[in-house]
Amino acid sequence: MFSSDSSTTPDDTPGPEHRDFVAALATGLDIIRAFDQHTPRMTLSEVAAKNGINRAKARRFLLTLHALGYVRKTDRYFELAPRTLDLGYAYLSANGYQDVIRQHLEHVTEVTGESSSMGTLDGDDVIYVARSAAPHRLMTVALALGSRLPAVATSMGRVLLATLTPEALETRLAPIELVAHTGNTITDRDRLREVIAVVRSAGYCIVDQELESGLRSLAVPVHAGNGRLLGALNVSTNAARVPRERLEAEFLPLLRETADQIGRAVN
């Protein structure tokens, strides 16, 4: 059974109109996040348009990020520099994830022969903070640290959404567009709420070919010893190779045991 984690509902977080909100910092981070797999390189005009700001403002931010080493410029194009990885590594290091969790995920992969990952909720997405990849590749998109997938269509995402209070869940779901990635994807909002309620009660989630055809995944929450939610742990499998019954009978106990071990090791 899940318990709600107040850390996932930061109601005291200052909004854009709050006197403590630093708009310039927010814009700079938005510009960094604007570079993705679809737009890895952009001109000044493209950055301005994607962030809804004028060219002069975009230029100042890009030149500042360039001076700090987070962005590099080639002719008319800007792209992220390797130094942006420091931002992600700082998060992993601060939470003690890298060594402890990687070893546990590798054990899951060794026992099951399947890829295993750990993720946290970030906006509408699950962001991957640790991963152990099996030799075979399941998804058309290559996953690595920092990869993002839509929370509503993934097992880790639904596990994490299930930890939210009903009010926080409604706030999170309201602006999300429910996209049909496959014929199995749940796109009815009421049905999605029902599924998340079942996940909350069961303490685990199986998503069966909703994100990509042939992909079946299982996830459980991971809590520290003090009850703090650390994230979600999953195993991704080929639906033709691993039936749902095997996920529940063999993989679920292993994931729960692994989640407990991680929780005891990470404070």
Protein backbone atom coordinates (compact mmCIF):
# COMPACT_ATOMS: atom_id res chain seq x y z
CA MET A 1 0.00 0.00 0.00
CA PHE A 2 1.31 3.43 -0.89
CA SER A 3 1.39 6.37 1.46
CA SER A 4 1.33 9.93 0.21
CA ASP A 5 4.67 11.72 0.33
CA SER A 6 4.32 15.40 1.15
CA SER A 7 7.59 16.11 -0.64
CA THR A 8 5.81 15.47 -3.94
CA THR A 9 3.34 18.29 -3.35
CA PRO A 10 5.40 21.41 -2.68
CA ASP A 11 2.45 23.72 -2.07
CA ASP A 12 4.78 26.33 -0.56
CA THR A 13 6.86 26.59 -3.74
CA PRO A 14 6.84 30.22 -4.93
CA GLY A 15 5.07 30.77 -8.24
CA PRO A 16 6.11 33.21 -10.98
CA GLU A 17 4.32 36.08 -9.24
CA HIS A 18 6.02 35.51 -5.88
CA ARG A 19 8.61 38.07 -4.79
CA ASP A 20 11.19 35.31 -4.23
CA PHE A 21 10.78 33.86 -7.72
CA VAL A 22 13.84 34.62 -9.91
CA ALA A 23 12.43 34.89 -13.42
CA ALA A 24 15.84 35.20 -15.07
CA LEU A 25 17.02 31.92 -13.55
CA ALA A 26 13.80 30.20 -14.65
CA THR A 27 14.25 31.47 -18.22
CA GLY A 28 17.84 30.29 -18.33
CA LEU A 29 16.84 26.80 -17.22
CA ASP A 30 13.96 26.77 -19.72
CA ILE A 31 16.41 27.57 -22.50
CA ILE A 32 18.66 24.68 -21.48
CA ARG A 33 15.65 22.34 -21.44
CA ALA A 34 14.55 23.56 -24.88
CA PHE A 35 17.38 21.59 -26.45
CA ASP A 36 16.24 17.97 -26.86
CA GLN A 37 16.39 15.04 -29.24
CA HIS A 38 14.12 16.85 -31.70
CA THR A 39 15.97 20.17 -31.57
CA PRO A 40 19.58 19.47 -30.53
CA ARG A 41 20.82 22.52 -32.50
CA MET A 42 18.94 25.78 -32.89
CA THR A 43 19.48 29.27 -34.23
CA LEU A 44 18.91 32.33 -32.08
CA SER A 45 15.50 32.85 -33.67
CA GLU A 46 14.50 29.23 -33.04
CA VAL A 47 15.48 29.43 -29.37
CA ALA A 48 13.52 32.66 -28.98
CA ALA A 49 10.43 31.19 -30.66
CA LYS A 50 10.53 27.94 -28.70
CA ASN A 51 10.77 29.80 -25.38
CA GLY A 52 8.29 32.54 -26.24
CA ILE A 53 10.79 35.39 -25.78
CA ASN A 54 12.20 38.04 -28.12
CA ARG A 55 15.51 37.67 -29.94
CA ALA A 56 17.34 40.23 -27.80
CA LYS A 57 16.46 38.39 -24.59
CA ALA A 58 17.32 35.01 -26.09
CA ARG A 59 20.67 36.39 -27.24
CA ARG A 60 21.61 37.60 -23.75
CA PHE A 61 20.76 34.26 -22.16
CA LEU A 62 22.54 32.22 -24.82
CA LEU A 63 25.67 34.33 -24.61
CA THR A 64 25.66 34.05 -20.82
CA LEU A 65 25.25 30.26 -20.99
CA HIS A 66 28.00 30.19 -23.61
CA ALA A 67 30.33 32.19 -21.34
CA LEU A 68 29.61 29.77 -18.47
CA GLY A 69 30.33 26.75 -20.67
CA TYR A 70 26.82 25.30 -20.80
CA VAL A 71 26.17 26.18 -24.44
CA ARG A 72 28.47 26.21 -27.46
CA LYS A 73 28.05 28.09 -30.74
CA THR A 74 28.95 27.00 -34.25
CA ASP A 75 28.23 29.56 -36.97
CA ARG A 76 24.53 30.42 -36.54
CA TYR A 77 23.70 27.44 -34.36
CA PHE A 78 23.69 26.90 -30.62
CA GLU A 79 23.79 23.52 -28.85
CA LEU A 80 24.32 22.23 -25.34
CA ALA A 81 27.89 21.71 -24.17
CA PRO A 82 28.99 18.66 -22.15
CA ARG A 83 29.14 20.80 -19.02
CA THR A 84 25.34 20.59 -18.74
CA LEU A 85 25.88 16.99 -17.63
CA ASP A 86 27.26 18.41 -14.39
CA LEU A 87 23.73 19.49 -13.47
CA GLY A 88 22.45 15.92 -13.69
CA TYR A 89 25.48 14.39 -12.06
CA ALA A 90 25.15 16.81 -9.14
CA TYR A 91 21.65 15.46 -8.50
CA LEU A 92 22.80 11.85 -8.68
CA SER A 93 25.80 12.48 -6.47
CA ALA A 94 23.86 14.46 -3.88
CA ASN A 95 21.37 11.64 -3.50
CA GLY A 96 23.99 8.88 -3.32
CA TYR A 97 22.41 7.05 -6.24
CA GLN A 98 25.21 6.26 -8.60
CA ASP A 99 27.03 3.38 -6.93
CA VAL A 100 24.41 1.87 -4.65
CA ILE A 101 21.51 1.86 -7.07
CA ARG A 102 23.58 0.85 -10.09
CA GLN A 103 24.75 -2.28 -8.29
CA HIS A 104 21.19 -3.24 -7.36
CA LEU A 105 19.89 -2.64 -10.89
CA GLU A 106 22.69 -4.73 -12.34
CA HIS A 107 21.67 -7.55 -10.00
CA VAL A 108 18.08 -7.33 -11.25
CA THR A 109 19.32 -7.49 -14.85
CA GLU A 110 21.56 -10.45 -14.04
CA VAL A 111 18.70 -12.41 -12.44
CA THR A 112 15.97 -11.55 -14.95
CA GLY A 113 17.96 -10.98 -18.12
CA GLU A 114 15.96 -7.76 -18.60
CA SER A 115 16.72 -4.03 -18.44
CA SER A 116 16.07 -2.36 -15.10
CA SER A 117 15.82 1.35 -14.32
CA MET A 118 15.08 3.85 -11.60
CA GLY A 119 13.23 7.08 -12.26
CA THR A 120 11.71 10.08 -10.55
CA LEU A 121 8.75 12.29 -11.41
CA ASP A 122 9.63 15.58 -13.09
CA GLY A 123 6.69 17.57 -14.41
CA ASP A 124 4.72 15.41 -16.83
CA ASP A 125 7.59 12.97 -17.28
CA VAL A 126 9.55 10.23 -15.62
CA ILE A 127 13.24 11.05 -15.80
CA TYR A 128 15.74 8.19 -15.65
CA VAL A 129 18.30 8.60 -12.86
CA ALA A 130 19.84 5.10 -12.97
CA ARG A 131 19.75 2.25 -15.46
CA SER A 132 21.08 -1.23 -16.16
CA ALA A 133 20.54 -2.19 -19.79
CA ALA A 134 20.17 -5.77 -20.99
CA PRO A 135 21.97 -6.74 -24.22
CA HIS A 136 18.71 -6.83 -26.19
CA ARG A 137 17.00 -3.54 -26.98
CA LEU A 138 13.26 -3.25 -26.41
CA MET A 139 12.36 0.30 -27.37
CA THR A 140 12.92 2.18 -30.61
CA VAL A 141 14.21 5.06 -28.49
CA ALA A 142 17.53 4.49 -26.73
CA LEU A 143 17.24 5.11 -22.98
CA ALA A 144 20.00 6.53 -20.82
CA LEU A 145 20.44 8.67 -17.72
CA GLY A 146 18.34 11.79 -18.17
CA SER A 147 15.95 10.20 -20.66
CA ARG A 148 12.32 11.24 -20.28
CA LEU A 149 9.13 9.32 -20.93
CA PRO A 150 5.50 10.39 -20.34
CA ALA A 151 4.53 9.51 -16.78
CA VAL A 152 0.90 8.64 -17.59
CA ALA A 153 1.90 5.90 -20.06
CA THR A 154 4.70 4.21 -18.10
CA SER A 155 4.81 1.86 -15.13
CA MET A 156 7.25 4.01 -13.18
CA GLY A 157 5.19 7.11 -13.93
CA ARG A 158 1.96 5.60 -12.68
CA VAL A 159 3.64 4.26 -9.56
CA LEU A 160 4.88 7.76 -8.78
CA LEU A 161 1.56 9.41 -9.64
CA ALA A 162 -0.11 6.97 -7.24
CA THR A 163 1.91 8.43 -4.36
CA LEU A 164 0.34 11.86 -4.82
CA THR A 165 -2.63 13.07 -2.82
CA PRO A 166 -5.91 13.14 -4.80
CA GLU A 167 -5.69 16.93 -5.04
CA ALA A 168 -2.09 16.89 -6.25
CA LEU A 169 -2.89 14.14 -8.74
CA GLU A 170 -5.76 16.16 -10.25
CA THR A 171 -3.50 19.20 -10.53
CA ARG A 172 -0.86 17.08 -12.26
CA LEU A 173 -3.27 15.38 -14.68
CA ALA A 174 -5.36 18.41 -15.64
CA PRO A 175 -3.02 19.96 -18.25
CA ILE A 176 -1.66 16.68 -19.64
CA GLU A 177 -2.73 15.66 -23.13
CA LEU A 178 -3.40 11.92 -23.17
CA VAL A 179 -1.74 10.70 -26.37
CA ALA A 180 -2.44 7.29 -27.94
CA HIS A 181 1.07 5.88 -28.39
CA THR A 182 -0.41 2.47 -29.29
CA GLY A 183 -3.86 0.94 -29.55
CA ASN A 184 -3.58 -0.06 -25.88
CA THR A 185 -2.82 3.40 -24.48
CA ILE A 186 -5.36 4.68 -21.97
CA THR A 187 -6.58 8.04 -23.24
CA ASP A 188 -9.75 8.32 -21.17
CA ARG A 189 -9.05 10.49 -18.11
CA ASP A 190 -11.56 8.71 -15.85
CA ARG A 191 -10.16 5.33 -16.80
CA LEU A 192 -6.65 6.56 -16.06
CA ARG A 193 -7.73 7.72 -12.60
CA GLU A 194 -9.20 4.26 -11.96
CA VAL A 195 -5.98 2.55 -13.02
CA ILE A 196 -3.87 4.80 -10.79
CA ALA A 197 -6.20 4.04 -7.88
CA VAL A 198 -5.63 0.31 -8.46
CA VAL A 199 -1.87 0.92 -8.53
CA ARG A 200 -2.09 2.82 -5.24
CA SER A 201 -3.92 -0.10 -3.65
CA ALA A 202 -1.76 -2.87 -5.12
CA GLY A 203 1.59 -1.21 -4.52
CA TYR A 204 2.89 -1.93 -8.02
CA CYS A 205 2.07 -1.24 -11.66
CA ILE A 206 2.20 -3.20 -14.90
CA VAL A 207 1.88 -1.29 -18.16
CA ASP A 208 1.19 -3.57 -21.10
CA GLN A 209 2.14 -2.19 -24.53
CA GLU A 210 0.73 1.28 -23.90
CA LEU A 211 3.89 3.23 -24.65
CA GLU A 212 5.24 1.01 -27.41
CA SER A 213 3.97 -2.19 -29.01
CA GLY A 214 5.70 -5.26 -27.57
CA LEU A 215 6.87 -3.44 -24.43
CA ARG A 216 5.57 -4.71 -21.09
CA SER A 217 6.94 -3.23 -17.86
CA LEU A 218 6.58 -3.61 -14.11
CA ALA A 219 7.38 -0.95 -11.48
CA VAL A 220 7.36 -0.54 -7.71
CA PRO A 221 8.03 2.50 -5.51
CA VAL A 222 11.29 2.97 -3.63
CA HIS A 223 11.23 4.61 -0.20
CA ALA A 224 14.12 5.46 2.10
CA GLY A 225 14.15 4.09 5.63
CA ASN A 226 12.53 7.28 6.90
CA GLY A 227 9.66 6.91 4.44
CA ARG A 228 10.88 9.53 1.95
CA LEU A 229 9.99 8.66 -1.62
CA LEU A 230 13.17 8.10 -3.63
CA GLY A 231 11.59 7.15 -6.95
CA ALA A 232 10.36 4.08 -8.79
CA LEU A 233 12.12 0.90 -9.87
CA ASN A 234 11.16 -1.04 -12.99
CA VAL A 235 11.88 -3.98 -15.26
CA SER A 236 11.09 -3.71 -18.97
CA THR A 237 10.35 -6.86 -20.95
CA ASN A 238 9.25 -8.11 -24.34
CA ALA A 239 5.54 -8.93 -24.16
CA ALA A 240 5.97 -11.95 -26.43
CA ARG A 241 8.72 -13.38 -24.24
CA VAL A 242 7.58 -12.58 -20.70
CA PRO A 243 3.89 -13.08 -19.86
CA ARG A 244 2.17 -10.88 -17.29
CA GLU A 245 1.82 -13.85 -14.92
CA ARG A 246 5.58 -14.29 -14.79
CA LEU A 247 6.07 -10.59 -14.07
CA GLU A 248 3.84 -10.88 -11.02
CA ALA A 249 5.04 -14.29 -9.83
CA GLU A 250 8.82 -13.93 -10.34
CA PHE A 251 9.81 -10.34 -11.09
CA LEU A 252 7.57 -8.53 -8.60
CA PRO A 253 9.06 -10.18 -5.47
CA LEU A 254 12.56 -9.45 -6.78
CA LEU A 255 11.75 -5.80 -7.46
CA ARG A 256 10.16 -5.34 -4.05
CA GLU A 257 13.16 -6.91 -2.33
CA THR A 258 15.51 -4.71 -4.37
CA ALA A 259 13.47 -1.59 -3.56
CA ASP A 260 13.74 -2.45 0.15
CA GLN A 261 17.51 -2.95 -0.14
CA ILE A 262 17.93 0.40 -1.89
CA GLY A 263 15.75 2.09 0.70
CA ARG A 264 17.87 0.76 3.53
CA ALA A 265 21.09 1.81 1.82
CA VAL A 266 20.07 5.33 0.74
CA ASN A 267 19.18 7.76 3.50
